[in-house]
Protein backbone atom coordinates (compact mmCIF):
# COMPACT_ATOMS: atom_id res chain seq x y z
CA MET A 1 161.67 69.84 86.39
CA GLN A 2 162.41 70.87 89.97
CA LYS A 3 158.76 70.58 91.03
CA TRP A 4 158.57 67.06 89.58
CA PHE A 5 161.72 66.08 91.47
CA PHE A 6 160.31 67.35 94.78
CA GLU A 7 157.02 65.54 94.20
CA VAL A 8 158.70 62.20 93.50
CA LEU A 9 161.05 62.61 96.45
CA ALA A 10 158.15 63.49 98.78
CA ILE A 11 156.19 60.41 97.67
CA LEU A 12 159.24 58.18 98.19
CA LEU A 13 159.83 59.59 101.66
CA LEU A 14 156.21 59.23 102.71
CA GLY A 15 156.12 55.69 101.35
CA GLY A 16 159.44 54.87 102.97
CA SER A 17 158.16 55.97 106.34
CA LEU A 18 155.64 53.13 106.15
CA ILE A 19 158.57 50.72 106.25
CA PHE A 20 159.69 52.25 109.53
CA PHE A 21 156.22 51.83 111.01
CA TYR A 22 155.98 48.23 109.79
CA GLU A 23 159.31 47.43 111.42
CA CYS A 24 158.16 49.25 114.55
CA ALA A 25 155.12 46.97 114.75
CA SER A 26 157.29 43.89 114.29
CA TYR A 27 159.60 44.99 117.11
CA LEU A 28 156.57 45.59 119.32
CA ALA A 29 155.42 42.05 118.59
CA ARG A 30 158.82 40.79 119.77
CA LYS A 31 158.53 43.03 122.88
CA ASP A 32 161.62 45.04 122.01
CA TYR A 33 160.22 48.37 123.14
CA VAL A 34 163.38 50.47 122.90
CA ALA A 35 163.93 49.57 119.26
CA ALA A 36 160.25 50.21 118.54
CA VAL A 37 160.45 53.71 120.02
CA VAL A 38 163.60 54.48 118.03
CA LEU A 39 161.93 53.32 114.81
CA LEU A 40 158.81 55.30 115.65
CA LEU A 41 160.86 58.48 116.06
CA ALA A 42 162.73 57.80 112.81
CA GLY A 43 159.45 57.22 110.97
CA MET A 44 157.98 60.43 112.32
CA SER A 45 161.09 62.33 111.22
CA VAL A 46 160.90 60.90 107.71
CA ILE A 47 157.21 61.84 107.51
CA GLY A 48 158.09 65.38 108.58
CA VAL A 49 160.71 65.73 105.85
CA GLY A 50 158.35 64.26 103.25
CA ARG A 51 155.59 66.64 104.33
CA GLU A 52 157.90 69.64 103.99
CA LEU A 53 159.05 68.52 100.53
CA ALA A 54 155.44 68.06 99.45
CA ARG A 55 154.68 71.57 100.68
CA LEU A 56 157.68 72.89 98.77
CA ALA A 57 156.54 71.09 95.61
CA LEU A 58 153.10 72.69 95.95
CA ALA A 59 154.65 76.12 96.38
CA GLN A 60 156.76 75.81 93.23
CA LYS A 61 155.39 77.67 90.24
CA ASP A 62 155.49 76.15 86.79
């Protein structure tokens, strides 16, 4: 059960980080560079957490 939970949470976090990058691109189109950098850093952080949860899910034994 715990492995399944980590897998679903990792997929949601990795998918959710795409929203940050989409918003980052839209802010770049509006030439709001500070907001784009903040969203880029937030997206990279979310990817890092999702990657670590995916690694934890792979390490879990059934």
